[in-house]
Amino acid sequence: MRSHLKNLIADVRAATVGRGSKKNLAASLKIPQSRLSEWLNGRHEPGAEIALRMRFWVEEQRKTRAGAGGKNTRTGKQTQRSTLA
């Protein structure tokens, strides 16, 4: 179970690198952003229900990025990488 939680936290860290993403996740989970930071920094661990909701959020972020078609999801502009492909 611990390895699943570590993987989840790593996935959440990767999914929350964008500006405002931690704030959006905290709002989605209906928790203070400081609590999310405690989980991401390893000071505390989320409960099972919150961990499951975090997993769903991460998967939604992946779908959103995959559906962006090479566009920067924040600006909506085509990225250089996708224009060269």
N, C-alpha and C. Protein backbone atom coordinates (compact mmCIF):
# COMPACT_ATOMS: atom_id res chain seq x y z
N MET A 1 0.83 -1.20 0.00
CA MET A 1 0.00 0.00 0.00
C MET A 1 0.86 1.26 0.00
N ARG A 2 1.94 1.24 0.73
CA ARG A 2 2.82 2.41 0.81
C ARG A 2 3.36 2.80 -0.57
N SER A 3 3.74 1.80 -1.36
CA SER A 3 4.29 2.12 -2.67
C SER A 3 3.23 2.76 -3.57
N HIS A 4 1.97 2.34 -3.44
CA HIS A 4 0.89 2.97 -4.20
C HIS A 4 0.73 4.43 -3.80
N LEU A 5 0.82 4.70 -2.51
CA LEU A 5 0.69 6.06 -2.03
C LEU A 5 1.87 6.92 -2.50
N LYS A 6 3.07 6.35 -2.45
CA LYS A 6 4.24 7.09 -2.94
C LYS A 6 4.10 7.40 -4.42
N ASN A 7 3.61 6.44 -5.19
CA ASN A 7 3.40 6.67 -6.62
C ASN A 7 2.34 7.75 -6.85
N LEU A 8 1.29 7.71 -6.06
CA LEU A 8 0.23 8.72 -6.18
C LEU A 8 0.79 10.11 -5.90
N ILE A 9 1.53 10.24 -4.81
CA ILE A 9 2.09 11.55 -4.45
C ILE A 9 3.04 12.03 -5.55
N ALA A 10 3.84 11.13 -6.11
CA ALA A 10 4.73 11.51 -7.21
C ALA A 10 3.93 11.98 -8.42
N ASP A 11 2.82 11.29 -8.71
CA ASP A 11 1.96 11.68 -9.83
C ASP A 11 1.30 13.03 -9.58
N VAL A 12 0.89 13.26 -8.34
CA VAL A 12 0.27 14.54 -7.99
C VAL A 12 1.29 15.66 -8.12
N ARG A 13 2.50 15.42 -7.64
CA ARG A 13 3.56 16.44 -7.78
C ARG A 13 3.77 16.80 -9.24
N ALA A 14 3.84 15.77 -10.10
CA ALA A 14 4.05 16.01 -11.53
C ALA A 14 2.88 16.75 -12.16
N ALA A 15 1.67 16.46 -11.70
CA ALA A 15 0.48 17.08 -12.28
C ALA A 15 0.23 18.49 -11.75
N THR A 16 0.93 18.87 -10.69
CA THR A 16 0.68 20.19 -10.09
C THR A 16 1.84 21.16 -10.30
N VAL A 17 2.60 20.98 -11.36
CA VAL A 17 3.70 21.91 -11.62
C VAL A 17 3.20 23.20 -12.27
N GLY A 18 2.06 23.15 -12.92
CA GLY A 18 1.53 24.34 -13.58
C GLY A 18 1.00 25.36 -12.59
N ARG A 19 1.02 26.60 -13.02
CA ARG A 19 0.55 27.70 -12.18
C ARG A 19 -0.92 27.49 -11.80
N GLY A 20 -1.19 27.57 -10.51
CA GLY A 20 -2.55 27.46 -10.00
C GLY A 20 -3.08 26.05 -9.87
N SER A 21 -2.30 25.05 -10.26
CA SER A 21 -2.81 23.68 -10.23
C SER A 21 -2.98 23.14 -8.81
N LYS A 22 -2.09 23.51 -7.89
CA LYS A 22 -2.27 23.06 -6.50
C LYS A 22 -3.52 23.70 -5.89
N LYS A 23 -3.74 24.95 -6.22
CA LYS A 23 -4.93 25.64 -5.74
C LYS A 23 -6.18 24.96 -6.29
N ASN A 24 -6.17 24.60 -7.57
CA ASN A 24 -7.31 23.92 -8.18
C ASN A 24 -7.56 22.56 -7.56
N LEU A 25 -6.48 21.82 -7.32
CA LEU A 25 -6.63 20.50 -6.70
C LEU A 25 -7.19 20.63 -5.29
N ALA A 26 -6.64 21.54 -4.51
CA ALA A 26 -7.13 21.73 -3.14
C ALA A 26 -8.61 22.11 -3.15
N ALA A 27 -9.01 22.97 -4.06
CA ALA A 27 -10.42 23.36 -4.16
C ALA A 27 -11.27 22.16 -4.55
N SER A 28 -10.78 21.36 -5.48
CA SER A 28 -11.51 20.17 -5.92
C SER A 28 -11.71 19.18 -4.78
N LEU A 29 -10.69 19.06 -3.93
CA LEU A 29 -10.76 18.14 -2.79
C LEU A 29 -11.46 18.77 -1.58
N LYS A 30 -11.74 20.07 -1.67
CA LYS A 30 -12.37 20.81 -0.57
C LYS A 30 -11.52 20.74 0.70
N ILE A 31 -10.22 21.02 0.50
CA ILE A 31 -9.26 21.03 1.60
C ILE A 31 -8.43 22.31 1.51
N PRO A 32 -7.83 22.74 2.62
CA PRO A 32 -6.92 23.88 2.54
C PRO A 32 -5.68 23.52 1.72
N GLN A 33 -5.16 24.49 1.01
CA GLN A 33 -3.96 24.25 0.21
C GLN A 33 -2.78 23.86 1.09
N SER A 34 -2.76 24.34 2.32
CA SER A 34 -1.68 23.98 3.24
C SER A 34 -1.68 22.48 3.56
N ARG A 35 -2.87 21.88 3.64
CA ARG A 35 -2.97 20.44 3.90
C ARG A 35 -2.40 19.66 2.72
N LEU A 36 -2.73 20.10 1.50
CA LEU A 36 -2.18 19.46 0.30
C LEU A 36 -0.66 19.55 0.31
N SER A 37 -0.13 20.70 0.66
CA SER A 37 1.33 20.87 0.73
C SER A 37 1.95 19.91 1.74
N GLU A 38 1.29 19.70 2.85
CA GLU A 38 1.79 18.76 3.87
C GLU A 38 1.89 17.35 3.29
N TRP A 39 0.89 16.95 2.49
CA TRP A 39 0.91 15.62 1.88
C TRP A 39 2.01 15.54 0.83
N LEU A 40 2.14 16.57 0.01
CA LEU A 40 3.14 16.55 -1.06
C LEU A 40 4.56 16.61 -0.51
N ASN A 41 4.74 17.23 0.66
CA ASN A 41 6.05 17.31 1.28
C ASN A 41 6.36 16.14 2.20
N GLY A 42 5.41 15.22 2.36
CA GLY A 42 5.64 14.01 3.15
C GLY A 42 5.47 14.17 4.64
N ARG A 43 4.94 15.31 5.10
CA ARG A 43 4.74 15.49 6.54
C ARG A 43 3.55 14.70 7.06
N HIS A 44 2.55 14.52 6.21
CA HIS A 44 1.36 13.74 6.56
C HIS A 44 0.94 12.93 5.35
N GLU A 45 0.04 11.98 5.55
CA GLU A 45 -0.49 11.18 4.45
C GLU A 45 -2.00 11.37 4.36
N PRO A 46 -2.52 11.43 3.14
CA PRO A 46 -3.96 11.56 3.00
C PRO A 46 -4.66 10.25 3.34
N GLY A 47 -5.92 10.35 3.74
CA GLY A 47 -6.72 9.15 3.99
C GLY A 47 -7.09 8.49 2.67
N ALA A 48 -7.70 7.32 2.76
CA ALA A 48 -8.03 6.53 1.57
C ALA A 48 -8.99 7.25 0.63
N GLU A 49 -10.03 7.88 1.18
CA GLU A 49 -11.01 8.56 0.32
C GLU A 49 -10.36 9.72 -0.43
N ILE A 50 -9.58 10.51 0.26
CA ILE A 50 -8.90 11.64 -0.38
C ILE A 50 -7.89 11.14 -1.40
N ALA A 51 -7.17 10.08 -1.07
CA ALA A 51 -6.19 9.52 -2.01
C ALA A 51 -6.88 9.07 -3.29
N LEU A 52 -8.03 8.47 -3.17
CA LEU A 52 -8.79 8.04 -4.35
C LEU A 52 -9.23 9.24 -5.18
N ARG A 53 -9.71 10.28 -4.51
CA ARG A 53 -10.11 11.49 -5.22
C ARG A 53 -8.92 12.17 -5.89
N MET A 54 -7.75 12.10 -5.25
CA MET A 54 -6.54 12.65 -5.85
C MET A 54 -6.18 11.86 -7.11
N ARG A 55 -6.31 10.54 -7.06
CA ARG A 55 -6.01 9.70 -8.23
C ARG A 55 -6.93 10.07 -9.39
N PHE A 56 -8.23 10.25 -9.11
CA PHE A 56 -9.17 10.65 -10.16
C PHE A 56 -8.77 12.00 -10.75
N TRP A 57 -8.36 12.92 -9.90
CA TRP A 57 -7.96 14.25 -10.37
C TRP A 57 -6.75 14.16 -11.29
N VAL A 58 -5.75 13.36 -10.89
CA VAL A 58 -4.55 13.19 -11.70
C VAL A 58 -4.92 12.62 -13.07
N GLU A 59 -5.80 11.63 -13.09
CA GLU A 59 -6.20 11.02 -14.35
C GLU A 59 -6.94 12.03 -15.23
N GLU A 60 -7.75 12.86 -14.64
CA GLU A 60 -8.44 13.91 -15.40
C GLU A 60 -7.44 14.89 -15.99
N GLN A 61 -6.40 15.22 -15.24
CA GLN A 61 -5.37 16.13 -15.75
C GLN A 61 -4.65 15.51 -16.94
N ARG A 62 -4.38 14.22 -16.85
CA ARG A 62 -3.73 13.53 -17.97
C ARG A 62 -4.60 13.55 -19.21
N LYS A 63 -5.90 13.31 -19.04
CA LYS A 63 -6.83 13.34 -20.18
C LYS A 63 -6.88 14.73 -20.79
N THR A 64 -6.89 15.75 -19.94
CA THR A 64 -6.94 17.12 -20.42
C THR A 64 -5.70 17.45 -21.23
N ARG A 65 -4.54 17.05 -20.72
CA ARG A 65 -3.29 17.32 -21.45
C ARG A 65 -3.25 16.55 -22.76
N ALA A 66 -3.70 15.31 -22.75
CA ALA A 66 -3.68 14.50 -23.97
C ALA A 66 -4.64 15.08 -25.00
N GLY A 67 -5.74 15.66 -24.55
CA GLY A 67 -6.72 16.23 -25.46
C GLY A 67 -6.35 17.61 -25.95
N ALA A 68 -5.28 18.19 -25.44
CA ALA A 68 -4.88 19.54 -25.84
C ALA A 68 -4.26 19.55 -27.23
N GLY A 69 -3.89 18.39 -27.75
CA GLY A 69 -3.36 18.30 -29.09
C GLY A 69 -2.09 19.09 -29.32
N GLY A 70 -1.19 19.09 -28.34
CA GLY A 70 0.07 19.80 -28.50
C GLY A 70 -0.01 21.27 -28.16
N LYS A 71 -1.15 21.70 -27.63
CA LYS A 71 -1.28 23.10 -27.25
C LYS A 71 -0.94 23.28 -25.79
N ASN A 72 -0.41 24.42 -25.48
CA ASN A 72 -0.16 24.78 -24.09
C ASN A 72 -1.52 24.97 -23.45
N THR A 73 -1.85 24.17 -22.43
CA THR A 73 -3.19 24.22 -21.85
C THR A 73 -3.47 25.53 -21.14
N ARG A 74 -2.43 26.25 -20.74
CA ARG A 74 -2.64 27.51 -20.05
C ARG A 74 -2.94 28.63 -21.03
N THR A 75 -2.23 28.66 -22.17
CA THR A 75 -2.40 29.75 -23.11
C THR A 75 -3.23 29.38 -24.32
N GLY A 76 -3.35 28.08 -24.61
CA GLY A 76 -4.08 27.64 -25.78
C GLY A 76 -3.29 27.81 -27.06
N LYS A 77 -2.03 28.23 -26.98
CA LYS A 77 -1.20 28.43 -28.15
C LYS A 77 -0.49 27.13 -28.53
N GLN A 78 -0.27 26.98 -29.81
CA GLN A 78 0.46 25.82 -30.32
C GLN A 78 1.89 25.89 -29.82
N THR A 79 2.42 24.78 -29.35
CA THR A 79 3.79 24.76 -28.88
C THR A 79 4.74 24.45 -30.02
N GLN A 80 5.99 24.84 -29.88
CA GLN A 80 6.96 24.62 -30.94
C GLN A 80 7.13 23.13 -31.20
N ARG A 81 7.16 22.33 -30.17
CA ARG A 81 7.35 20.89 -30.32
C ARG A 81 6.28 20.30 -31.23
N SER A 82 5.03 20.69 -31.02
CA SER A 82 3.96 20.12 -31.82
C SER A 82 3.96 20.66 -33.25
N THR A 83 4.47 21.86 -33.46
CA THR A 83 4.50 22.41 -34.82
C THR A 83 5.61 21.78 -35.63
N LEU A 84 6.64 21.26 -34.97
CA LEU A 84 7.74 20.63 -35.68
C LEU A 84 7.44 19.19 -36.00
N ALA A 85 6.51 18.60 -35.31
CA ALA A 85 6.19 17.17 -35.49
C ALA A 85 5.43 16.91 -36.76
